[in-house]
Amino acid sequence: MASDAAVESNTKVTRIFSVLPLELVCIVFECLPLRDCILATHVCRAWRHFLVDCAPSIWCSISSEPILPPGALPVLLARSGSSDIELSVRVALDRWKEVVDCLAANMYRCRSLSVRISSARTDDYTDMTAALTSALCNPAPRMRKFRLFDRGGLFNSPGILGGVAPHLRVVKLYCNPGALGECEAFQGATRAMYANPSWTTHEDVSNILQRLPKLEALALDLDYWHRWGTGRRNDHILVFPPTLKHLVLRGDSEVQNACLVLDAIDHSKLHEICVTCPSRKDGTSPDPEFVEKLLRQMLDDGPPAVKMSIYGSSFLDISIKRADDSERGLIRVPRGRRPEQSFSTVTLLSLGESALDPNVPFPSIPLVTDLTIIMLDHDEYADVAHDSVFLLPRTHDDMHILVCPSLRIFRIRASKGAARVAPEVIREFVEYHLDYAEPLLEKLAICGAEVLHNNVAEVAALISLAKTFEPGLAVPWGSWNLEDIWDWR
């Protein structure tokens, strides 16, 4: 009986290959982590035959972290056939030869390559360094993304990627720039992230910029920034090429570093600047003085703001679009800090629920005609329901949370997925916490949320607040188009 049950189970397991197109099966397995694909080869002979012999695309994304057992990396690479691959490897002194040999043999078909050199300089590193340098100097005609993480400064060659990487667009370098030479292979790269493992200086950044003549977006990791001085606003130390339009300053170090960098550059030529406002090393909020300075540097230096989004809970993400269509963003701003001066020119405002603090009313926003309140996520309502502006008690005085005399359009938007909202909580927010001049709004829109309609009178009262009531779909929360250089992954 047990044998019959095993046969029946095995038949059901293998039936997937006769029912579904092989292309669809491949897509399913390509979504799985590498470890799960390896385990799947041991389910039965049919699965192993398909995965190992008939589906090279499943083995085209390989990472040696966590560390693979000896001999596994060349076997997995062989399964990918001659397909383009995404390869992430760690080179360590205790077992480098296998990794370096695989690199040398497969550089030509790497679409994406990440190399982490984890060994420090010792008496035994010479052979490893020579072999690794030789491997990384092979041409990479298919490469589009390259990441080198060399904390110990072991790589040192001007011929990286053999000077041949015509499709390379994204470069992430955690290394000494002097070890890279002229970097002919980087000539076509348009997006980069950089840090020097020792201390990043303005000279290092200038050297990198010279090696990337077509650079459009640059991210600097401020955790390793050398404070060269305060700089003067009209005496810029860093001069960016005319192609560079997008700048990211990120890291977990003190916010003073971001202020120093912004002091050293000319903001006017950059279309987009996004800065992470980091906490102190002990986890406490950053120095309020530098937060205020950062807000002034980012938001008050240039054309007036016309569109603003503020979203978050413990920390706020602030995004501003200015009159010249340029954008400025601050990530992880302490909740009590806001760009007060910018509110006077904003005409379109989006606010997350938890960005509104009933104890700290917003200043009057005289020109806003279009206001959106973004609801908390489902799990946030469970954890921080007290932050919801729709659950605030009624007020009977003139202390409104938001004063928008020119307001015409008011939207409630679900942050993601479907949500349900009682009509009375929206109505009471509008009546007791939102102040505007006109007796009726032009439009009230509920986007991505279902208004509960069990109380018809409350639904009618809600609709009566505006000339037009409009249900709509949830629009995804806007994000910066810089995700590929936002971190070291």
Protein backbone atom coordinates (compact mmCIF):
# COMPACT_ATOMS: atom_id res chain seq x y z
CA MET A 1 0.00 0.00 0.00
CA ALA A 2 2.81 2.39 0.94
CA SER A 3 4.54 1.67 -2.36
CA ASP A 4 1.36 2.37 -4.34
CA ALA A 5 0.85 5.65 -2.48
CA ALA A 6 4.42 6.71 -3.25
CA VAL A 7 3.96 5.96 -6.94
CA GLU A 8 0.68 7.92 -7.04
CA SER A 9 2.31 10.87 -5.26
CA ASN A 10 5.28 10.82 -7.62
CA THR A 11 2.90 10.77 -10.60
CA LYS A 12 1.08 13.84 -9.31
CA VAL A 13 4.36 15.66 -8.72
CA THR A 14 5.66 14.99 -12.25
CA ARG A 15 2.33 15.72 -13.92
CA ILE A 16 3.13 19.44 -13.79
CA PHE A 17 5.60 19.00 -16.67
CA SER A 18 3.00 17.42 -18.96
CA VAL A 19 0.21 19.88 -18.13
CA LEU A 20 2.02 23.24 -18.17
CA PRO A 21 4.20 24.66 -20.96
CA LEU A 22 7.88 24.30 -20.07
CA GLU A 23 8.37 28.07 -20.43
CA LEU A 24 5.79 28.65 -17.69
CA VAL A 25 7.39 26.06 -15.42
CA CYS A 26 10.73 27.82 -15.90
CA ILE A 27 9.20 31.15 -14.93
CA VAL A 28 7.87 29.60 -11.72
CA PHE A 29 11.24 28.15 -10.74
CA GLU A 30 13.09 31.35 -11.69
CA CYS A 31 11.14 33.10 -8.94
CA LEU A 32 12.48 30.72 -6.29
CA PRO A 33 15.68 31.27 -4.29
CA LEU A 34 18.71 29.30 -5.50
CA ARG A 35 18.59 27.03 -2.44
CA ASP A 36 14.99 25.99 -3.21
CA CYS A 37 15.89 25.18 -6.82
CA ILE A 38 18.73 22.97 -5.61
CA LEU A 39 16.37 21.16 -3.23
CA ALA A 40 13.86 20.71 -6.05
CA THR A 41 16.41 18.67 -8.03
CA HIS A 42 16.15 16.00 -5.32
CA VAL A 43 12.35 15.61 -5.46
CA CYS A 44 12.37 12.92 -8.14
CA ARG A 45 14.13 11.89 -11.35
CA ALA A 46 11.68 13.74 -13.59
CA TRP A 47 12.20 17.01 -11.76
CA ARG A 48 15.95 16.58 -11.71
CA HIS A 49 16.05 15.81 -15.43
CA PHE A 50 13.98 18.90 -16.23
CA LEU A 51 15.79 21.29 -13.88
CA VAL A 52 19.33 20.15 -14.65
CA ASP A 53 19.13 19.24 -18.34
CA CYS A 54 16.26 21.25 -19.83
CA ALA A 55 16.06 24.58 -17.99
CA PRO A 56 19.32 26.55 -18.04
CA SER A 57 17.48 29.82 -17.36
CA ILE A 58 16.72 28.64 -13.81
CA TRP A 59 20.46 28.67 -13.00
CA CYS A 60 21.23 32.11 -14.42
CA SER A 61 21.20 33.94 -11.09
CA ILE A 62 23.83 32.50 -8.75
CA SER A 63 25.17 33.82 -5.47
CA SER A 64 27.91 32.24 -3.39
CA GLU A 65 26.57 33.95 -0.27
CA PRO A 66 25.65 32.20 1.92
CA ILE A 67 28.81 30.25 1.20
CA LEU A 68 28.30 27.33 -1.18
CA PRO A 69 30.01 24.03 -0.41
CA PRO A 70 33.25 23.27 -2.29
CA GLY A 71 32.62 22.32 -5.90
CA ALA A 72 29.06 23.70 -6.01
CA LEU A 73 29.77 26.95 -7.89
CA PRO A 74 31.23 25.36 -11.05
CA VAL A 75 28.40 22.78 -11.11
CA LEU A 76 25.73 25.46 -10.91
CA LEU A 77 27.43 27.56 -13.59
CA ALA A 78 27.59 24.52 -15.88
CA ARG A 79 23.82 24.06 -15.53
CA SER A 80 23.25 27.56 -16.97
CA GLY A 81 24.83 26.50 -20.27
CA SER A 82 25.88 29.50 -22.32
CA SER A 83 23.09 31.81 -21.07
CA ASP A 84 23.76 35.26 -19.69
CA ILE A 85 24.21 35.07 -15.93
CA GLU A 86 23.87 37.25 -12.84
CA LEU A 87 26.75 36.25 -10.57
CA SER A 88 27.54 37.31 -7.01
CA VAL A 89 30.70 35.90 -5.42
CA ARG A 90 32.80 36.37 -2.31
CA VAL A 91 36.56 35.96 -2.58
CA ALA A 92 38.29 34.91 0.65
CA LEU A 93 41.82 33.78 1.35
CA ASP A 94 40.77 30.37 2.68
CA ARG A 95 39.03 29.33 -0.58
CA TRP A 96 39.63 31.65 -3.47
CA LYS A 97 40.95 29.48 -6.31
CA GLU A 98 37.61 27.88 -7.26
CA VAL A 99 35.82 31.25 -7.25
CA VAL A 100 38.52 33.01 -9.27
CA ASP A 101 38.66 30.19 -11.83
CA CYS A 102 34.88 30.43 -12.28
CA LEU A 103 35.15 34.18 -12.72
CA ALA A 104 37.84 33.88 -15.37
CA ALA A 105 35.85 31.29 -17.32
CA ASN A 106 32.51 33.13 -17.21
CA MET A 107 33.27 36.87 -17.37
CA TYR A 108 32.26 36.95 -21.04
CA ARG A 109 28.63 36.02 -20.24
CA CYS A 110 28.07 37.94 -17.00
CA ARG A 111 25.13 40.32 -17.35
CA SER A 112 25.53 41.37 -13.72
CA LEU A 113 28.58 40.75 -11.53
CA SER A 114 29.11 41.45 -7.83
CA VAL A 115 32.53 40.71 -6.32
CA ARG A 116 33.13 41.02 -2.58
CA ILE A 117 36.78 40.67 -1.54
CA SER A 118 36.66 39.81 2.14
CA SER A 119 40.35 39.08 2.79
CA ALA A 120 42.72 41.59 4.34
CA ARG A 121 46.36 42.01 3.38
CA THR A 122 48.50 39.16 4.74
CA ASP A 123 51.65 37.37 3.70
CA ASP A 124 49.55 34.83 1.79
CA TYR A 125 47.39 37.17 -0.24
CA THR A 126 49.80 37.75 -3.17
CA ASP A 127 48.76 34.74 -5.26
CA MET A 128 45.08 35.37 -4.68
CA THR A 129 45.38 39.04 -5.62
CA ALA A 130 47.27 38.26 -8.83
CA ALA A 131 44.74 35.62 -9.91
CA LEU A 132 41.73 37.77 -9.01
CA THR A 133 43.14 40.78 -10.84
CA SER A 134 43.76 38.65 -13.90
CA ALA A 135 40.20 37.28 -13.82
CA LEU A 136 38.57 40.72 -13.45
CA CYS A 137 40.62 42.03 -16.37
CA ASN A 138 38.85 39.72 -18.81
CA PRO A 139 36.47 41.44 -21.27
CA ALA A 140 32.80 41.61 -20.27
CA PRO A 141 30.91 42.25 -23.51
CA ARG A 142 27.47 41.42 -22.04
CA MET A 143 27.80 43.15 -18.66
CA ARG A 144 25.22 45.74 -17.63
CA LYS A 145 25.85 46.02 -13.89
CA PHE A 146 29.13 45.72 -11.95
CA ARG A 147 29.78 45.88 -8.22
CA LEU A 148 33.24 45.73 -6.59
CA PHE A 149 33.43 45.65 -2.79
CA ASP A 150 37.13 45.74 -1.90
CA ARG A 151 37.57 46.77 1.73
CA GLY A 152 41.20 45.64 1.94
CA GLY A 153 42.39 47.37 -1.23
CA LEU A 154 43.61 44.14 -2.85
CA PHE A 155 42.53 44.81 -6.45
CA ASN A 156 44.96 47.03 -8.30
CA SER A 157 44.89 47.12 -12.09
CA PRO A 158 44.10 49.73 -14.74
CA GLY A 159 42.62 47.08 -17.04
CA ILE A 160 39.45 46.19 -15.15
CA LEU A 161 36.94 44.26 -17.35
CA GLY A 162 39.60 44.25 -20.05
CA GLY A 163 38.47 47.73 -20.99
CA VAL A 164 35.57 46.09 -22.85
CA ALA A 165 32.05 46.43 -21.41
CA PRO A 166 30.01 48.28 -24.05
CA HIS A 167 26.65 47.64 -22.33
CA LEU A 168 27.73 48.52 -18.78
CA ARG A 169 25.33 51.06 -17.27
CA VAL A 170 25.38 50.63 -13.45
CA VAL A 171 28.63 50.66 -11.44
CA LYS A 172 28.96 50.32 -7.65
CA LEU A 173 32.49 50.81 -6.34
CA TYR A 174 33.55 50.38 -2.73
CA CYS A 175 37.27 50.69 -3.29
CA ASN A 176 40.22 52.99 -3.67
CA PRO A 177 39.72 54.84 -6.99
CA GLY A 178 43.45 54.95 -7.61
CA ALA A 179 43.48 51.16 -8.09
CA LEU A 180 41.18 51.35 -11.11
CA GLY A 181 43.31 53.27 -13.59
CA GLU A 182 41.51 54.99 -16.44
CA CYS A 183 38.59 52.55 -16.37
CA GLU A 184 37.94 52.42 -20.10
CA ALA A 185 35.25 49.81 -19.46
CA PHE A 186 33.25 52.38 -17.46
CA GLN A 187 33.02 54.97 -20.23
CA GLY A 188 29.37 54.20 -21.00
CA ALA A 189 28.11 53.86 -17.40
CA THR A 190 25.28 56.25 -16.54
CA ARG A 191 24.55 55.35 -12.89
CA ALA A 192 27.04 54.84 -10.06
CA MET A 193 27.39 54.42 -6.32
CA TYR A 194 30.69 55.11 -4.61
CA ALA A 195 32.57 55.04 -1.29
CA ASN A 196 36.22 54.70 -0.32
CA PRO A 197 36.72 52.05 2.43
CA SER A 198 39.16 54.37 4.21
CA TRP A 199 37.65 57.85 3.96
CA THR A 200 35.88 59.28 0.96
CA THR A 201 37.15 62.74 0.07
CA HIS A 202 36.11 65.27 -2.54
CA GLU A 203 39.26 64.27 -4.50
CA ASP A 204 38.02 60.65 -4.60
CA VAL A 205 34.65 61.76 -5.96
CA SER A 206 36.34 63.97 -8.56
CA ASN A 207 38.48 61.02 -9.66
CA ILE A 208 35.45 58.79 -10.04
CA LEU A 209 33.60 61.46 -12.02
CA GLN A 210 36.53 61.71 -14.43
CA ARG A 211 36.29 57.96 -15.08
CA LEU A 212 32.53 58.13 -15.74
CA PRO A 213 32.08 60.82 -18.41
CA LYS A 214 28.46 59.89 -19.20
CA LEU A 215 27.25 59.68 -15.61
CA GLU A 216 23.65 60.77 -15.08
CA ALA A 217 22.98 59.59 -11.48
CA LEU A 218 25.42 59.33 -8.57
CA ALA A 219 24.96 57.94 -5.04
CA LEU A 220 27.52 58.70 -2.32
CA ASP A 221 27.71 56.67 0.87
CA LEU A 222 28.31 59.18 3.68
CA ASP A 223 29.25 56.56 6.29
CA TYR A 224 32.82 56.89 5.05
CA TRP A 225 32.92 60.62 4.39
CA HIS A 226 35.95 62.72 5.31
CA ARG A 227 35.01 66.10 6.74
CA TRP A 228 37.31 68.39 4.82
CA GLY A 229 35.73 71.58 6.16
CA THR A 230 32.54 73.54 6.15
CA GLY A 231 32.85 74.91 2.63
CA ARG A 232 31.29 78.13 1.39
CA ARG A 233 28.08 78.20 -0.57
CA ASN A 234 29.57 80.20 -3.44
CA ASP A 235 32.92 78.44 -3.54
CA HIS A 236 31.99 74.92 -4.66
CA ILE A 237 34.58 72.21 -4.11
CA LEU A 238 32.85 69.50 -6.16
CA VAL A 239 32.14 70.25 -9.79
CA PHE A 240 29.79 67.78 -11.46
CA PRO A 241 29.79 67.05 -15.18
CA PRO A 242 26.90 68.54 -17.18
CA THR A 243 25.44 65.06 -17.74
CA LEU A 244 24.87 64.50 -13.99
CA LYS A 245 21.28 65.32 -13.03
CA HIS A 246 20.51 63.03 -10.08
CA LEU A 247 22.31 62.87 -6.73
CA VAL A 248 21.72 60.55 -3.75
CA LEU A 249 23.38 61.09 -0.37
CA ARG A 250 22.78 58.15 1.93
CA GLY A 251 24.23 56.38 4.94
CA ASP A 252 23.79 55.88 8.66
CA SER A 253 26.38 58.39 9.80
CA GLU A 254 25.70 61.82 11.25
CA VAL A 255 23.57 64.23 9.26
CA GLN A 256 26.39 66.80 9.39
CA ASN A 257 28.14 64.92 6.57
CA ALA A 258 25.20 65.52 4.22
CA CYS A 259 25.29 69.23 5.09
CA LEU A 260 29.01 69.37 4.26
CA VAL A 261 28.51 67.75 0.87
CA LEU A 262 25.59 70.02 -0.01
CA ASP A 263 27.72 73.02 0.96
CA ALA A 264 30.32 71.88 -1.56
CA ILE A 265 28.13 71.55 -4.66
CA ASP A 266 26.05 73.72 -6.95
CA HIS A 267 22.44 72.60 -6.52
CA SER A 268 21.06 74.54 -9.44
CA LYS A 269 22.35 72.16 -12.12
CA LEU A 270 20.87 69.03 -10.48
CA HIS A 271 17.36 67.98 -11.41
CA GLU A 272 16.95 65.60 -8.48
CA ILE A 273 18.60 65.40 -5.06
CA CYS A 274 17.60 62.82 -2.45
CA VAL A 275 19.19 62.70 1.02
CA THR A 276 18.79 60.22 3.85
CA CYS A 277 18.62 61.98 7.20
CA PRO A 278 20.49 59.44 9.36
CA SER A 279 20.25 58.81 13.08
CA ARG A 280 23.24 59.11 15.35
CA LYS A 281 25.44 56.08 15.93
CA ASP A 282 23.73 55.47 19.27
CA GLY A 283 20.33 55.27 17.51
CA THR A 284 19.00 58.60 18.78
CA SER A 285 17.58 61.31 16.54
CA PRO A 286 20.10 63.52 14.74
CA ASP A 287 21.12 66.94 15.99
CA PRO A 288 18.12 69.28 15.40
CA GLU A 289 20.48 72.07 14.32
CA PHE A 290 21.81 70.05 11.41
CA VAL A 291 18.35 68.74 10.50
CA GLU A 292 17.12 72.31 10.20
CA LYS A 293 20.17 73.23 8.13
CA LEU A 294 19.59 70.24 5.87
CA LEU A 295 15.97 71.24 5.33
CA ARG A 296 17.06 74.76 4.38
CA GLN A 297 19.80 73.53 2.04
CA MET A 298 17.52 71.10 0.26
CA LEU A 299 14.22 72.92 0.10
CA ASP A 300 14.77 76.65 0.38
CA ASP A 301 17.62 77.07 -2.10
CA GLY A 302 15.97 77.40 -5.50
CA PRO A 303 12.58 77.88 -7.14
CA PRO A 304 9.51 77.68 -4.90
CA ALA A 305 7.87 74.34 -4.13
CA VAL A 306 4.59 73.66 -5.93
CA LYS A 307 3.98 70.00 -5.04
CA MET A 308 4.80 68.30 -1.75
CA SER A 309 4.40 64.81 -0.30
CA ILE A 310 5.03 63.91 3.34
CA TYR A 311 4.66 60.31 4.39
CA GLY A 312 5.82 58.13 7.29
CA SER A 313 5.26 57.38 10.96
CA SER A 314 8.23 57.59 13.38
CA PHE A 315 10.22 59.26 10.61
CA LEU A 316 8.97 61.23 7.61
CA ASP A 317 9.81 61.02 3.93
CA ILE A 318 9.48 64.44 2.33
CA SER A 319 9.35 64.93 -1.43
CA ILE A 320 9.06 68.30 -3.13
CA LYS A 321 8.63 69.24 -6.78
CA ARG A 322 9.59 72.82 -7.54
CA ALA A 323 8.41 75.36 -10.07
CA ASP A 324 11.19 74.45 -12.52
CA ASP A 325 10.13 70.75 -12.33
CA SER A 326 13.22 69.80 -10.29
CA GLU A 327 12.75 67.51 -7.28
CA ARG A 328 14.20 67.38 -3.79
CA GLY A 329 13.69 64.59 -1.26
CA LEU A 330 14.55 63.93 2.37
CA ILE A 331 14.25 60.42 3.82
CA ARG A 332 13.90 59.57 7.54
CA VAL A 333 13.36 63.10 8.81
CA PRO A 334 12.43 63.13 12.54
CA ARG A 335 8.68 63.52 12.84
CA GLY A 336 8.81 66.89 14.59
CA ARG A 337 10.71 68.54 11.72
CA ARG A 338 8.91 69.97 8.70
CA PRO A 339 9.82 72.34 5.87
CA GLU A 340 7.64 75.12 7.29
CA GLN A 341 8.82 77.84 4.88
CA SER A 342 7.93 75.79 1.79
CA PHE A 343 4.23 75.46 2.61
CA SER A 344 3.45 79.01 1.51
CA THR A 345 3.92 78.21 -2.21
CA VAL A 346 2.60 74.62 -2.44
CA THR A 347 -0.52 74.07 -4.55
CA LEU A 348 -0.73 70.25 -4.42
CA LEU A 349 -0.12 68.47 -1.11
CA SER A 350 -0.12 64.75 -0.20
CA LEU A 351 0.10 63.77 3.47
CA GLY A 352 0.31 60.39 5.15
CA GLU A 353 -2.04 60.02 8.09
CA SER A 354 0.75 59.65 10.62
CA ALA A 355 2.49 62.77 9.28
CA LEU A 356 -0.31 64.80 10.86
CA ASP A 357 0.20 65.53 14.54
CA PRO A 358 -2.86 67.01 16.29
CA ASN A 359 -0.55 68.56 18.89
CA VAL A 360 1.51 70.34 16.24
CA PRO A 361 -0.85 71.99 13.73
CA PHE A 362 0.44 72.68 10.24
CA PRO A 363 0.95 76.31 9.31
CA SER A 364 -1.63 77.82 6.99
CA ILE A 365 -1.18 76.53 3.44
CA PRO A 366 -2.78 79.36 1.47
CA LEU A 367 -2.32 78.17 -2.12
CA VAL A 368 -3.17 74.47 -1.83
CA THR A 369 -6.08 73.60 -4.09
CA ASP A 370 -5.62 69.81 -4.13
CA LEU A 371 -5.09 67.86 -0.88
CA THR A 372 -4.63 64.10 -0.51
CA ILE A 373 -4.59 62.16 2.76
CA ILE A 374 -2.92 58.75 2.41
CA MET A 375 -4.38 56.16 4.76
CA LEU A 376 -2.28 53.96 7.00
CA ASP A 377 -1.60 50.39 5.91
CA HIS A 378 -3.72 47.58 7.34
CA ASP A 379 -0.95 46.42 9.68
CA GLU A 380 -0.27 50.02 10.75
CA TYR A 381 -3.88 50.42 11.88
CA ALA A 382 -3.37 47.38 14.08
CA ASP A 383 -0.13 48.70 15.58
CA VAL A 384 -0.48 52.49 15.61
CA ALA A 385 -4.19 53.22 15.30
CA HIS A 386 -3.70 56.18 17.65
CA ASP A 387 -1.85 57.92 14.79
CA SER A 388 -4.92 57.88 12.55
CA VAL A 389 -6.29 61.36 11.88
CA PHE A 390 -9.68 59.83 11.21
CA LEU A 391 -9.97 58.77 14.86
CA LEU A 392 -9.23 62.16 16.39
CA PRO A 393 -11.81 63.58 18.83
CA ARG A 394 -14.02 66.42 17.66
CA THR A 395 -12.88 69.96 18.32
CA HIS A 396 -15.17 72.92 18.93
CA ASP A 397 -12.67 75.73 18.55
CA ASP A 398 -10.66 77.19 15.70
CA MET A 399 -7.67 74.87 16.18
CA HIS A 400 -7.90 73.02 12.87
CA ILE A 401 -5.09 70.65 11.98
CA LEU A 402 -5.01 71.87 8.37
CA VAL A 403 -5.89 75.35 7.18
CA CYS A 404 -6.18 75.46 3.38
CA PRO A 405 -8.32 78.46 2.39
CA SER A 406 -8.00 77.81 -1.37
CA LEU A 407 -8.84 74.10 -1.18
CA ARG A 408 -11.02 72.76 -4.01
CA ILE A 409 -10.25 69.03 -4.25
CA PHE A 410 -9.91 66.62 -1.33
CA ARG A 411 -8.86 62.98 -1.77
CA ILE A 412 -8.64 60.02 0.58
CA ARG A 413 -6.31 57.36 -0.82
CA ALA A 414 -5.58 53.85 0.39
CA SER A 415 -1.84 53.33 0.67
CA LYS A 416 -2.00 49.87 -0.90
CA GLY A 417 -4.57 47.18 -1.46
CA ALA A 418 -8.28 47.47 -0.75
CA ALA A 419 -9.45 49.23 2.39
CA ARG A 420 -12.80 49.99 4.00
CA VAL A 421 -13.64 53.28 5.62
CA ALA A 422 -16.71 54.51 7.47
CA PRO A 423 -18.22 57.65 5.90
CA GLU A 424 -18.66 59.40 9.24
CA VAL A 425 -14.94 59.38 10.06
CA ILE A 426 -14.13 61.17 6.79
CA ARG A 427 -16.97 63.64 7.26
CA GLU A 428 -15.93 64.47 10.82
CA PHE A 429 -12.32 64.97 9.75
CA VAL A 430 -13.42 67.44 7.08
CA GLU A 431 -15.85 69.26 9.37
CA TYR A 432 -13.76 69.45 12.53
CA HIS A 433 -10.11 69.30 11.44
CA LEU A 434 -9.94 70.81 7.95
CA ASP A 435 -10.54 74.51 7.30
CA TYR A 436 -11.24 75.94 3.84
CA ALA A 437 -13.02 79.02 2.52
CA GLU A 438 -15.67 77.75 0.11
CA PRO A 439 -18.93 76.30 1.48
CA LEU A 440 -18.55 73.23 -0.78
CA LEU A 441 -15.55 71.43 -2.19
CA GLU A 442 -15.40 71.06 -5.94
CA LYS A 443 -14.57 67.36 -5.67
CA LEU A 444 -14.28 64.67 -3.00
CA ALA A 445 -12.51 61.50 -4.15
CA ILE A 446 -12.09 58.18 -2.34
CA CYS A 447 -9.32 56.24 -4.10
CA GLY A 448 -8.70 52.54 -3.50
CA ALA A 449 -11.00 52.39 -0.48
CA GLU A 450 -14.58 51.19 -0.13
CA VAL A 451 -16.97 53.48 1.72
CA LEU A 452 -19.17 51.45 4.02
CA HIS A 453 -22.76 52.09 3.01
CA ASN A 454 -24.77 50.39 5.75
CA ASN A 455 -25.73 53.85 7.08
CA VAL A 456 -27.33 55.65 4.15
CA ALA A 457 -27.69 58.93 6.04
CA GLU A 458 -23.96 59.08 6.77
CA VAL A 459 -23.09 58.32 3.14
CA ALA A 460 -25.39 61.12 2.04
CA ALA A 461 -23.83 63.52 4.55
CA LEU A 462 -20.38 62.68 3.23
CA ILE A 463 -21.35 63.20 -0.41
CA SER A 464 -22.96 66.54 0.44
CA LEU A 465 -19.56 68.00 1.36
CA ALA A 466 -18.65 68.43 -2.32
CA LYS A 467 -20.27 69.24 -5.64
CA THR A 468 -18.80 66.04 -7.12
CA PHE A 469 -18.13 62.70 -5.43
CA GLU A 470 -15.71 60.41 -7.24
CA PRO A 471 -14.65 56.88 -6.30
CA GLY A 472 -11.36 55.82 -7.86
CA LEU A 473 -8.50 53.35 -7.89
CA ALA A 474 -5.54 53.54 -5.55
CA VAL A 475 -2.52 55.10 -7.19
CA PRO A 476 0.82 53.56 -6.12
CA TRP A 477 2.81 55.72 -3.75
CA GLY A 478 5.38 57.60 -5.81
CA SER A 479 9.00 56.51 -5.45
CA TRP A 480 12.30 57.87 -6.58
CA ASN A 481 13.65 56.47 -9.82
CA LEU A 482 16.95 55.70 -8.10
CA GLU A 483 16.36 52.24 -6.60
CA ASP A 484 19.25 50.67 -8.54
CA ILE A 485 21.82 52.87 -6.77
CA TRP A 486 20.05 53.29 -3.43
CA ASP A 487 22.09 50.60 -1.63
CA TRP A 488 25.04 48.25 -2.17
CA ARG A 489 22.96 45.25 -3.32
